[in-house]
C-alpha cells in the first residue's frame, strides 16, 4: 500500500469519517513513516486554522467591501427588513413559495 492511500484514510479519520482501514494499521504506518506523520501534522494544523477562521467569520473590512460591491445597505450580517406585518399580502399567492 502506498502513502497516498494511507493519507486518504488519515484524512477521512481526521474528518470523523470511516477510513476504510483498521485504525491499528494506520497507527503502525504512522509509527514507521515520517512523511505521513509530517503530512498528518500539517493537516491537523490546517484543520485547526480553518476551524478558527470559520468561528470568527470574515473580517469586518472584507464583509463591508463585499456589501459595498453588491450595493447592500445597512449592517453586515443582518437580513434586510421586510414589509411591516400590516403591509404583507394576504391570499393564496403569498403562501406559494
Foldseek 3Di string as FASTA:
>chain_A
DDVVLLLQLLVCVVVVHHSPDDPVVSVVVCVPDPVSVVVSVVVVVVVVVVVVCVVVDDDLVVQVVVCVVVVHDDDGPDDDDDDDPVPDDDDDVVPPD
